[in-house]
């Protein structure tokens, strides 16, 4: 299953490390939901989940897990092997 991340919540800052909550839709079923960053990280790493963002033209960008040297794992988009800021451009909740 692949989900499209549609909105985010940040707390304590404005960078990817501050993402706390993500809203999503599953395009095949139309199911929608929301989860914490830790839940999405676990789903991607341990349940073979796939997540992406999409722009108005329909271009998809993969959401990947970043494992920093210090601190908690977080999510960031990656396009053609380059880290991008697509998650930070999404609507805030």
N, C-alpha and C. Protein backbone atom coordinates (compact mmCIF):
# COMPACT_ATOMS: atom_id res chain seq x y z
N UNK A 1 0.84 -1.18 0.00
CA UNK A 1 0.00 0.00 0.00
C UNK A 1 0.89 1.24 0.00
N UNK A 2 0.47 2.25 -0.74
CA UNK A 2 1.17 3.53 -0.77
C UNK A 2 0.21 4.63 -0.33
N UNK A 3 0.71 5.55 0.46
CA UNK A 3 -0.10 6.67 0.92
C UNK A 3 0.50 7.98 0.43
N UNK A 4 -0.39 8.92 0.18
CA UNK A 4 0.04 10.27 -0.19
C UNK A 4 -0.07 11.14 1.06
N UNK A 5 1.02 11.75 1.46
CA UNK A 5 1.00 12.67 2.59
C UNK A 5 0.39 13.98 2.10
N UNK A 6 -0.65 14.45 2.80
CA UNK A 6 -1.40 15.62 2.33
C UNK A 6 -1.28 16.84 3.24
N UNK A 7 -0.89 16.65 4.50
CA UNK A 7 -0.75 17.77 5.44
C UNK A 7 0.16 17.33 6.57
N UNK A 8 0.73 18.31 7.27
CA UNK A 8 1.66 18.01 8.35
C UNK A 8 1.43 18.94 9.53
N UNK A 9 1.95 18.52 10.68
CA UNK A 9 1.99 19.39 11.86
C UNK A 9 3.43 19.41 12.36
N UNK A 10 3.92 20.60 12.70
CA UNK A 10 5.25 20.76 13.26
C UNK A 10 5.12 21.32 14.68
N UNK A 11 6.11 21.02 15.50
CA UNK A 11 6.12 21.55 16.86
C UNK A 11 7.55 21.90 17.25
N UNK A 12 7.75 23.10 17.75
CA UNK A 12 9.05 23.51 18.26
C UNK A 12 10.05 23.96 17.23
N UNK A 13 9.66 24.09 15.98
CA UNK A 13 10.57 24.53 14.94
C UNK A 13 9.95 24.38 13.57
N UNK A 14 10.75 24.64 12.53
CA UNK A 14 10.21 24.65 11.17
C UNK A 14 10.94 23.70 10.23
N UNK A 15 11.78 22.82 10.76
CA UNK A 15 12.52 21.89 9.91
C UNK A 15 11.93 20.49 10.00
N UNK A 16 12.42 19.60 9.17
CA UNK A 16 11.88 18.23 9.11
C UNK A 16 11.90 17.52 10.45
N UNK A 17 12.89 17.81 11.26
CA UNK A 17 13.00 17.18 12.57
C UNK A 17 11.83 17.54 13.48
N UNK A 18 11.11 18.60 13.15
CA UNK A 18 10.00 19.07 13.97
C UNK A 18 8.64 18.57 13.52
N UNK A 19 8.62 17.74 12.46
CA UNK A 19 7.35 17.13 12.05
C UNK A 19 6.87 16.20 13.16
N UNK A 20 5.64 16.36 13.59
CA UNK A 20 5.11 15.52 14.66
C UNK A 20 3.95 14.65 14.20
N UNK A 21 3.23 15.10 13.19
CA UNK A 21 2.00 14.42 12.78
C UNK A 21 1.82 14.59 11.27
N UNK A 22 1.32 13.55 10.62
CA UNK A 22 1.12 13.61 9.17
C UNK A 22 -0.27 13.08 8.81
N UNK A 23 -0.92 13.76 7.88
CA UNK A 23 -2.22 13.34 7.36
C UNK A 23 -2.00 12.73 5.98
N UNK A 24 -2.79 11.73 5.64
CA UNK A 24 -2.55 10.98 4.41
C UNK A 24 -3.84 10.46 3.81
N UNK A 25 -3.75 10.07 2.52
CA UNK A 25 -4.83 9.36 1.85
C UNK A 25 -4.21 8.17 1.11
N UNK A 26 -4.96 7.09 1.06
CA UNK A 26 -4.54 5.91 0.32
C UNK A 26 -5.35 5.94 -0.96
N UNK A 27 -4.70 6.13 -2.08
CA UNK A 27 -5.40 6.45 -3.32
C UNK A 27 -6.25 5.31 -3.86
N UNK A 28 -5.82 4.08 -3.71
CA UNK A 28 -6.59 2.96 -4.26
C UNK A 28 -7.94 2.80 -3.56
N UNK A 29 -7.96 2.91 -2.24
CA UNK A 29 -9.19 2.69 -1.48
C UNK A 29 -9.91 3.98 -1.14
N UNK A 30 -9.20 5.10 -1.19
CA UNK A 30 -9.78 6.37 -0.78
C UNK A 30 -9.75 6.57 0.73
N UNK A 31 -9.18 5.62 1.46
CA UNK A 31 -9.09 5.72 2.91
C UNK A 31 -8.18 6.89 3.27
N UNK A 32 -8.53 7.59 4.33
CA UNK A 32 -7.72 8.72 4.81
C UNK A 32 -7.47 8.53 6.30
N UNK A 33 -6.39 9.11 6.76
CA UNK A 33 -6.08 9.01 8.18
C UNK A 33 -4.96 9.94 8.57
N UNK A 34 -4.52 9.78 9.78
CA UNK A 34 -3.39 10.56 10.28
C UNK A 34 -2.63 9.71 11.29
N UNK A 35 -1.33 9.96 11.36
CA UNK A 35 -0.46 9.23 12.26
C UNK A 35 0.66 10.13 12.74
N UNK A 36 1.28 9.72 13.83
CA UNK A 36 2.45 10.45 14.30
C UNK A 36 3.63 10.14 13.39
N UNK A 37 4.64 10.96 13.48
CA UNK A 37 5.87 10.72 12.73
C UNK A 37 6.43 9.35 13.07
N UNK A 38 6.50 8.99 14.35
CA UNK A 38 7.06 7.70 14.76
C UNK A 38 6.28 6.54 14.15
N UNK A 39 4.97 6.65 14.07
CA UNK A 39 4.17 5.59 13.48
C UNK A 39 4.45 5.43 11.98
N UNK A 40 4.60 6.55 11.27
CA UNK A 40 4.90 6.47 9.84
C UNK A 40 6.31 5.92 9.62
N UNK A 41 7.27 6.34 10.44
CA UNK A 41 8.63 5.80 10.34
C UNK A 41 8.60 4.29 10.52
N UNK A 42 7.91 3.82 11.55
CA UNK A 42 7.81 2.38 11.80
C UNK A 42 7.14 1.66 10.63
N UNK A 43 6.09 2.22 10.10
CA UNK A 43 5.35 1.61 8.98
C UNK A 43 6.25 1.48 7.75
N UNK A 44 7.03 2.52 7.45
CA UNK A 44 7.93 2.48 6.29
C UNK A 44 9.05 1.45 6.52
N UNK A 45 9.66 1.49 7.71
CA UNK A 45 10.82 0.63 7.97
C UNK A 45 10.47 -0.83 8.23
N UNK A 46 9.37 -1.08 8.91
CA UNK A 46 9.09 -2.45 9.36
C UNK A 46 7.92 -3.14 8.68
N UNK A 47 7.14 -2.38 7.92
CA UNK A 47 5.98 -2.98 7.27
C UNK A 47 6.00 -2.74 5.77
N UNK A 48 7.14 -2.35 5.24
CA UNK A 48 7.32 -2.11 3.81
C UNK A 48 6.35 -1.09 3.24
N UNK A 49 5.98 -0.12 4.08
CA UNK A 49 5.08 0.93 3.63
C UNK A 49 5.77 1.90 2.68
N UNK A 50 5.01 2.50 1.83
CA UNK A 50 5.51 3.49 0.89
C UNK A 50 4.68 4.76 1.05
N UNK A 51 5.35 5.89 1.10
CA UNK A 51 4.67 7.17 1.21
C UNK A 51 5.27 8.13 0.20
N UNK A 52 4.46 9.10 -0.21
CA UNK A 52 4.93 10.08 -1.19
C UNK A 52 4.14 11.37 -1.03
N UNK A 53 4.68 12.42 -1.63
CA UNK A 53 3.94 13.67 -1.79
C UNK A 53 3.68 13.82 -3.28
N UNK A 54 2.74 14.66 -3.62
CA UNK A 54 2.41 14.88 -5.03
C UNK A 54 2.13 16.36 -5.23
N UNK A 55 2.66 16.90 -6.33
CA UNK A 55 2.38 18.30 -6.63
C UNK A 55 1.17 18.41 -7.55
N UNK A 56 0.78 19.59 -7.90
CA UNK A 56 -0.42 19.80 -8.72
C UNK A 56 -0.32 19.18 -10.10
N UNK A 57 0.89 19.01 -10.59
CA UNK A 57 1.09 18.39 -11.91
C UNK A 57 1.09 16.86 -11.82
N UNK A 58 0.98 16.33 -10.59
CA UNK A 58 0.95 14.89 -10.41
C UNK A 58 2.30 14.23 -10.24
N UNK A 59 3.36 15.02 -10.10
CA UNK A 59 4.69 14.45 -9.88
C UNK A 59 4.81 13.96 -8.44
N UNK A 60 5.19 12.71 -8.29
CA UNK A 60 5.33 12.10 -6.97
C UNK A 60 6.77 12.20 -6.48
N UNK A 61 6.91 12.45 -5.19
CA UNK A 61 8.22 12.47 -4.55
C UNK A 61 8.17 11.53 -3.35
N UNK A 62 9.12 10.62 -3.30
CA UNK A 62 9.18 9.61 -2.24
C UNK A 62 9.42 10.24 -0.88
N UNK A 63 8.73 9.72 0.14
CA UNK A 63 9.01 10.09 1.53
C UNK A 63 9.91 8.99 2.10
N UNK A 64 11.05 9.39 2.65
CA UNK A 64 12.03 8.44 3.17
C UNK A 64 12.34 8.75 4.63
N UNK A 65 12.88 7.76 5.31
CA UNK A 65 13.28 7.90 6.71
C UNK A 65 14.74 8.35 6.77
N UNK A 66 14.99 9.36 7.58
CA UNK A 66 16.35 9.84 7.83
C UNK A 66 16.75 9.40 9.23
N UNK A 67 17.93 8.79 9.34
CA UNK A 67 18.45 8.36 10.64
C UNK A 67 19.65 9.25 10.98
N UNK A 68 19.44 10.26 11.82
CA UNK A 68 20.55 11.17 12.14
C UNK A 68 21.52 10.52 13.13
N UNK A 69 22.72 11.08 13.23
CA UNK A 69 23.70 10.58 14.18
C UNK A 69 23.20 10.72 15.61
N UNK A 70 22.42 11.76 15.85
CA UNK A 70 21.82 12.01 17.17
C UNK A 70 20.36 12.36 16.98
N UNK A 71 19.56 11.98 17.94
CA UNK A 71 18.15 12.34 17.89
C UNK A 71 17.30 11.27 17.22
N UNK A 72 16.01 11.56 17.14
CA UNK A 72 15.04 10.61 16.60
C UNK A 72 15.04 10.60 15.08
N UNK A 73 14.63 9.48 14.53
CA UNK A 73 14.46 9.38 13.08
C UNK A 73 13.36 10.33 12.66
N UNK A 74 13.47 10.85 11.45
CA UNK A 74 12.45 11.75 10.94
C UNK A 74 12.22 11.46 9.47
N UNK A 75 11.27 12.16 8.89
CA UNK A 75 10.87 11.94 7.49
C UNK A 75 11.28 13.13 6.64
N UNK A 76 11.64 12.81 5.40
CA UNK A 76 11.99 13.84 4.44
C UNK A 76 11.75 13.28 3.04
N UNK A 77 11.49 14.14 2.08
CA UNK A 77 11.29 13.66 0.71
C UNK A 77 12.62 13.58 -0.01
N UNK A 78 12.64 12.66 -0.98
CA UNK A 78 13.85 12.45 -1.78
C UNK A 78 13.43 12.26 -3.23
N UNK A 79 13.98 13.09 -4.11
CA UNK A 79 13.70 12.99 -5.54
C UNK A 79 15.00 12.79 -6.30
N UNK A 80 15.07 11.75 -7.07
CA UNK A 80 16.27 11.44 -7.85
C UNK A 80 17.53 11.44 -7.00
N UNK A 81 17.41 10.89 -5.78
CA UNK A 81 18.57 10.78 -4.90
C UNK A 81 18.94 12.05 -4.17
N UNK A 82 18.15 13.10 -4.33
CA UNK A 82 18.44 14.38 -3.69
C UNK A 82 17.36 14.67 -2.65
N UNK A 83 17.78 15.02 -1.43
CA UNK A 83 16.82 15.37 -0.38
C UNK A 83 16.11 16.67 -0.75
N UNK A 84 14.79 16.69 -0.57
CA UNK A 84 13.99 17.86 -0.93
C UNK A 84 13.11 18.28 0.25
N UNK A 85 12.40 19.39 0.09
CA UNK A 85 11.58 19.95 1.17
C UNK A 85 10.08 19.85 0.90
N UNK A 86 9.65 18.88 0.12
CA UNK A 86 8.24 18.79 -0.25
C UNK A 86 7.30 18.66 0.96
N UNK A 87 7.72 17.95 2.00
CA UNK A 87 6.86 17.83 3.18
C UNK A 87 6.62 19.18 3.84
N UNK A 88 7.65 20.01 3.87
CA UNK A 88 7.51 21.32 4.52
C UNK A 88 6.64 22.26 3.72
N UNK A 89 6.40 21.98 2.45
CA UNK A 89 5.55 22.82 1.61
C UNK A 89 4.07 22.44 1.72
N UNK A 90 3.77 21.34 2.41
CA UNK A 90 2.37 20.90 2.52
C UNK A 90 1.59 21.79 3.49
N UNK A 91 0.25 21.75 3.39
CA UNK A 91 -0.57 22.51 4.33
C UNK A 91 -0.29 22.07 5.77
N UNK A 92 -0.44 23.00 6.70
CA UNK A 92 -0.23 22.72 8.13
C UNK A 92 -1.57 22.52 8.82
N UNK A 93 -1.55 21.65 9.81
CA UNK A 93 -2.74 21.43 10.65
C UNK A 93 -2.38 21.58 12.09
